[in-house]
Structures are given as C-alpha cells and as structure tokens.
Amino acid sequence: MTCLEHKGYTGSVSYSSDDKVFWGKVENIEGLITFEAEYAGDVEKNFQQAVDDYLADCARLNIPPQRPKLKRRDNTKSLKKSKVVLQQ
C-alpha cells in the first residue's frame, strides 16, 4: 500500500485489477473521503483534490473539518523491557 500526504491528511492507495482503477481513502479520520484514478499519474492529484474539496465543503457548510487522529505507537514492549530491568 502506498501513502500520500496533503495538508496534514494521509491517503492510502490500492489498485483494483478487476476494475483496472487505482482507489484510495483518507486515513485516520472518522469520516469517509475517497478518491480514484484510472492512471497512476493522476492518483496524487485526485487525492489532493479530494482533500481540498472536503475542506472547501466544510468551509462552505461552516463546520470544522475532522483532523487526522495520530496513531499511538504501541509501547507495550518498551514497558515490558522497563519492568524487567526494574525487577532485576
């Protein structure tokens, strides 16, 4: 999977061999923003346009856009290592 970045938003990209189209969605938000492209060269442009359209729609409707939620790194291993060190 390929990831794209635009204005703080991250998009994932996949390819459908059945439909012969690249498709993707904006990640780490609760809403659904999708995009697609027939040609690889159009993927990034279409992702950026989807984000820009979303932000423009939010402004037009006077609602705050969702901001991507940062994924938390799993520190479980680090905590376990720390615990072991502290127990020694």
N, C-alpha and C. Protein backbone atom coordinates (compact mmCIF):
# COMPACT_ATOMS: atom_id res chain seq x y z
N MET A 1 0.85 -1.18 0.00
CA MET A 1 0.00 0.00 0.00
C MET A 1 0.89 1.24 0.00
N THR A 2 0.52 2.20 -0.80
CA THR A 2 1.25 3.45 -0.89
C THR A 2 0.49 4.52 -0.13
N CYS A 3 1.23 5.42 0.54
CA CYS A 3 0.60 6.51 1.28
C CYS A 3 0.97 7.85 0.67
N LEU A 4 0.01 8.75 0.69
CA LEU A 4 0.20 10.11 0.19
C LEU A 4 -0.07 11.09 1.32
N GLU A 5 0.51 12.28 1.25
CA GLU A 5 0.31 13.33 2.26
C GLU A 5 -0.13 14.62 1.58
N HIS A 6 -1.09 15.31 2.21
CA HIS A 6 -1.53 16.61 1.70
C HIS A 6 -2.25 17.35 2.81
N LYS A 7 -1.75 18.52 3.17
CA LYS A 7 -2.36 19.39 4.18
C LYS A 7 -2.64 18.66 5.50
N GLY A 8 -1.73 17.78 5.88
CA GLY A 8 -1.85 17.06 7.15
C GLY A 8 -2.69 15.80 7.06
N TYR A 9 -3.23 15.48 5.91
CA TYR A 9 -4.03 14.29 5.71
C TYR A 9 -3.19 13.22 5.00
N THR A 10 -3.45 11.97 5.35
CA THR A 10 -2.74 10.85 4.74
C THR A 10 -3.74 10.03 3.95
N GLY A 11 -3.35 9.67 2.75
CA GLY A 11 -4.21 8.84 1.91
C GLY A 11 -3.54 7.52 1.59
N SER A 12 -4.31 6.45 1.62
CA SER A 12 -3.80 5.15 1.20
C SER A 12 -4.26 4.89 -0.23
N VAL A 13 -3.45 4.15 -0.98
CA VAL A 13 -3.76 3.88 -2.38
C VAL A 13 -3.65 2.38 -2.63
N SER A 14 -4.62 1.85 -3.34
CA SER A 14 -4.60 0.45 -3.75
C SER A 14 -4.97 0.39 -5.23
N TYR A 15 -4.78 -0.79 -5.80
CA TYR A 15 -5.14 -0.98 -7.21
C TYR A 15 -6.11 -2.15 -7.32
N SER A 16 -7.19 -1.93 -8.04
CA SER A 16 -8.17 -2.99 -8.31
C SER A 16 -7.91 -3.53 -9.71
N SER A 17 -7.41 -4.76 -9.78
CA SER A 17 -7.15 -5.34 -11.09
C SER A 17 -8.47 -5.70 -11.79
N ASP A 18 -9.52 -5.96 -11.01
CA ASP A 18 -10.82 -6.25 -11.61
C ASP A 18 -11.38 -5.02 -12.32
N ASP A 19 -11.29 -3.88 -11.66
CA ASP A 19 -11.85 -2.64 -12.22
C ASP A 19 -10.84 -1.83 -13.02
N LYS A 20 -9.58 -2.23 -12.93
CA LYS A 20 -8.50 -1.50 -13.63
C LYS A 20 -8.46 -0.04 -13.21
N VAL A 21 -8.50 0.18 -11.88
CA VAL A 21 -8.51 1.55 -11.36
C VAL A 21 -7.73 1.60 -10.04
N PHE A 22 -7.06 2.71 -9.83
CA PHE A 22 -6.43 2.99 -8.54
C PHE A 22 -7.49 3.63 -7.67
N TRP A 23 -7.55 3.27 -6.40
CA TRP A 23 -8.51 3.86 -5.50
C TRP A 23 -7.87 4.05 -4.13
N GLY A 24 -8.42 4.95 -3.38
CA GLY A 24 -7.85 5.19 -2.07
C GLY A 24 -8.81 5.93 -1.17
N LYS A 25 -8.37 6.12 0.05
CA LYS A 25 -9.17 6.85 1.03
C LYS A 25 -8.25 7.61 1.96
N VAL A 26 -8.81 8.62 2.60
CA VAL A 26 -8.08 9.38 3.59
C VAL A 26 -8.12 8.58 4.89
N GLU A 27 -6.97 8.41 5.50
CA GLU A 27 -6.83 7.58 6.70
C GLU A 27 -6.92 8.42 7.97
N ASN A 28 -7.19 7.76 9.07
CA ASN A 28 -7.13 8.32 10.43
C ASN A 28 -8.16 9.42 10.71
N ILE A 29 -9.30 9.36 10.01
CA ILE A 29 -10.43 10.23 10.34
C ILE A 29 -11.66 9.34 10.44
N GLU A 30 -12.69 9.84 11.14
CA GLU A 30 -13.91 9.04 11.29
C GLU A 30 -14.78 9.06 10.04
N GLY A 31 -14.71 10.14 9.27
CA GLY A 31 -15.50 10.24 8.05
C GLY A 31 -14.88 9.43 6.92
N LEU A 32 -15.50 9.47 5.77
CA LEU A 32 -15.01 8.74 4.62
C LEU A 32 -14.77 9.71 3.47
N ILE A 33 -13.52 9.82 3.08
CA ILE A 33 -13.13 10.62 1.92
C ILE A 33 -12.41 9.67 0.99
N THR A 34 -12.94 9.47 -0.21
CA THR A 34 -12.34 8.52 -1.15
C THR A 34 -11.93 9.25 -2.43
N PHE A 35 -11.10 8.57 -3.19
CA PHE A 35 -10.68 9.09 -4.49
C PHE A 35 -10.30 7.91 -5.37
N GLU A 36 -10.29 8.14 -6.67
CA GLU A 36 -9.83 7.10 -7.58
C GLU A 36 -9.22 7.74 -8.81
N ALA A 37 -8.48 6.92 -9.54
CA ALA A 37 -7.82 7.39 -10.76
C ALA A 37 -7.64 6.21 -11.71
N GLU A 38 -7.83 6.49 -12.96
CA GLU A 38 -7.64 5.46 -13.97
C GLU A 38 -6.15 5.26 -14.27
N TYR A 39 -5.38 6.33 -14.14
CA TYR A 39 -3.95 6.28 -14.46
C TYR A 39 -3.13 6.61 -13.22
N ALA A 40 -2.01 5.94 -13.07
CA ALA A 40 -1.14 6.14 -11.91
C ALA A 40 -0.73 7.60 -11.76
N GLY A 41 -0.52 8.27 -12.86
CA GLY A 41 -0.09 9.66 -12.82
C GLY A 41 -1.14 10.62 -12.25
N ASP A 42 -2.39 10.16 -12.16
CA ASP A 42 -3.47 11.01 -11.65
C ASP A 42 -3.79 10.75 -10.17
N VAL A 43 -3.19 9.74 -9.57
CA VAL A 43 -3.54 9.36 -8.20
C VAL A 43 -3.30 10.50 -7.22
N GLU A 44 -2.10 11.04 -7.21
CA GLU A 44 -1.76 12.09 -6.24
C GLU A 44 -2.62 13.33 -6.43
N LYS A 45 -2.82 13.72 -7.68
CA LYS A 45 -3.64 14.90 -7.98
C LYS A 45 -5.08 14.68 -7.50
N ASN A 46 -5.63 13.49 -7.72
CA ASN A 46 -7.00 13.21 -7.31
C ASN A 46 -7.13 13.12 -5.79
N PHE A 47 -6.11 12.61 -5.12
CA PHE A 47 -6.10 12.60 -3.65
C PHE A 47 -6.12 14.04 -3.13
N GLN A 48 -5.24 14.87 -3.66
CA GLN A 48 -5.17 16.26 -3.23
C GLN A 48 -6.49 16.98 -3.50
N GLN A 49 -7.11 16.71 -4.62
CA GLN A 49 -8.39 17.33 -4.96
C GLN A 49 -9.48 16.87 -4.00
N ALA A 50 -9.46 15.61 -3.60
CA ALA A 50 -10.46 15.09 -2.65
C ALA A 50 -10.32 15.80 -1.30
N VAL A 51 -9.09 15.99 -0.84
CA VAL A 51 -8.85 16.69 0.43
C VAL A 51 -9.29 18.15 0.29
N ASP A 52 -8.89 18.80 -0.79
CA ASP A 52 -9.26 20.20 -1.00
C ASP A 52 -10.78 20.37 -1.09
N ASP A 53 -11.47 19.45 -1.77
CA ASP A 53 -12.93 19.51 -1.87
C ASP A 53 -13.57 19.34 -0.50
N TYR A 54 -13.04 18.42 0.30
CA TYR A 54 -13.56 18.20 1.64
C TYR A 54 -13.42 19.46 2.49
N LEU A 55 -12.24 20.07 2.46
CA LEU A 55 -12.01 21.28 3.24
C LEU A 55 -12.89 22.44 2.76
N ALA A 56 -13.08 22.54 1.45
CA ALA A 56 -13.95 23.58 0.89
C ALA A 56 -15.40 23.35 1.29
N ASP A 57 -15.84 22.10 1.27
CA ASP A 57 -17.21 21.78 1.70
C ASP A 57 -17.42 22.13 3.16
N CYS A 58 -16.44 21.81 4.00
CA CYS A 58 -16.55 22.15 5.43
C CYS A 58 -16.65 23.66 5.61
N ALA A 59 -15.85 24.41 4.89
CA ALA A 59 -15.88 25.87 4.99
C ALA A 59 -17.23 26.40 4.50
N ARG A 60 -17.73 25.86 3.41
CA ARG A 60 -19.00 26.30 2.84
C ARG A 60 -20.15 26.01 3.79
N LEU A 61 -20.08 24.87 4.47
CA LEU A 61 -21.15 24.48 5.40
C LEU A 61 -20.92 25.01 6.82
N ASN A 62 -19.80 25.71 6.99
CA ASN A 62 -19.44 26.28 8.28
C ASN A 62 -19.35 25.23 9.40
N ILE A 63 -18.69 24.11 9.05
CA ILE A 63 -18.43 23.06 10.05
C ILE A 63 -16.93 22.81 10.11
N PRO A 64 -16.40 22.50 11.29
CA PRO A 64 -14.97 22.26 11.39
C PRO A 64 -14.60 20.92 10.73
N PRO A 65 -13.54 20.92 9.93
CA PRO A 65 -13.12 19.66 9.32
C PRO A 65 -12.52 18.72 10.37
N GLN A 66 -12.70 17.44 10.16
CA GLN A 66 -12.04 16.48 11.03
C GLN A 66 -10.55 16.53 10.75
N ARG A 67 -9.79 16.45 11.79
CA ARG A 67 -8.34 16.39 11.66
C ARG A 67 -7.89 14.96 11.90
N PRO A 68 -6.88 14.52 11.18
CA PRO A 68 -6.42 13.15 11.35
C PRO A 68 -6.02 12.87 12.80
N LYS A 69 -6.41 11.72 13.26
CA LYS A 69 -6.01 11.27 14.59
C LYS A 69 -4.68 10.57 14.45
N LEU A 70 -3.74 10.96 15.29
CA LEU A 70 -2.43 10.32 15.25
C LEU A 70 -2.53 8.94 15.85
N LYS A 71 -1.92 7.99 15.18
CA LYS A 71 -1.88 6.64 15.72
C LYS A 71 -0.84 6.59 16.82
N ARG A 72 -1.21 5.99 17.93
CA ARG A 72 -0.26 5.87 19.03
C ARG A 72 0.64 4.68 18.80
N ARG A 73 1.89 4.88 19.08
CA ARG A 73 2.86 3.80 18.98
C ARG A 73 2.61 2.84 20.13
N ASP A 74 2.70 1.57 19.87
CA ASP A 74 2.49 0.58 20.92
C ASP A 74 3.76 0.49 21.75
N ASN A 75 3.68 0.98 22.98
CA ASN A 75 4.84 0.97 23.87
C ASN A 75 4.85 -0.23 24.80
N THR A 76 4.01 -1.23 24.53
CA THR A 76 3.91 -2.39 25.40
C THR A 76 5.27 -3.07 25.54
N LYS A 77 5.98 -3.25 24.44
CA LYS A 77 7.29 -3.92 24.51
C LYS A 77 8.26 -3.10 25.34
N SER A 78 8.26 -1.80 25.15
CA SER A 78 9.16 -0.93 25.91
C SER A 78 8.83 -1.01 27.40
N LEU A 79 7.53 -1.02 27.73
CA LEU A 79 7.14 -1.10 29.13
C LEU A 79 7.55 -2.43 29.74
N LYS A 80 7.39 -3.51 28.99
CA LYS A 80 7.79 -4.82 29.50
C LYS A 80 9.29 -4.86 29.73
N LYS A 81 10.07 -4.29 28.82
CA LYS A 81 11.52 -4.26 28.97
C LYS A 81 11.87 -3.44 30.22
N SER A 82 11.21 -2.31 30.38
CA SER A 82 11.48 -1.47 31.55
C SER A 82 11.17 -2.22 32.83
N LYS A 83 10.07 -2.95 32.83
CA LYS A 83 9.66 -3.69 34.01
C LYS A 83 10.69 -4.75 34.36
N VAL A 84 11.20 -5.42 33.35
CA VAL A 84 12.20 -6.46 33.57
C VAL A 84 13.46 -5.83 34.15
N VAL A 85 13.86 -4.72 33.61
CA VAL A 85 15.05 -4.04 34.11
C VAL A 85 14.85 -3.62 35.56
N LEU A 86 13.66 -3.11 35.89
CA LEU A 86 13.39 -2.66 37.25
C LEU A 86 13.32 -3.82 38.23
N GLN A 87 12.93 -4.99 37.78
CA GLN A 87 12.80 -6.13 38.66
C GLN A 87 14.14 -6.76 38.96
N GLN A 88 15.14 -6.53 38.17
CA GLN A 88 16.45 -7.18 38.36
C GLN A 88 17.15 -6.65 39.53
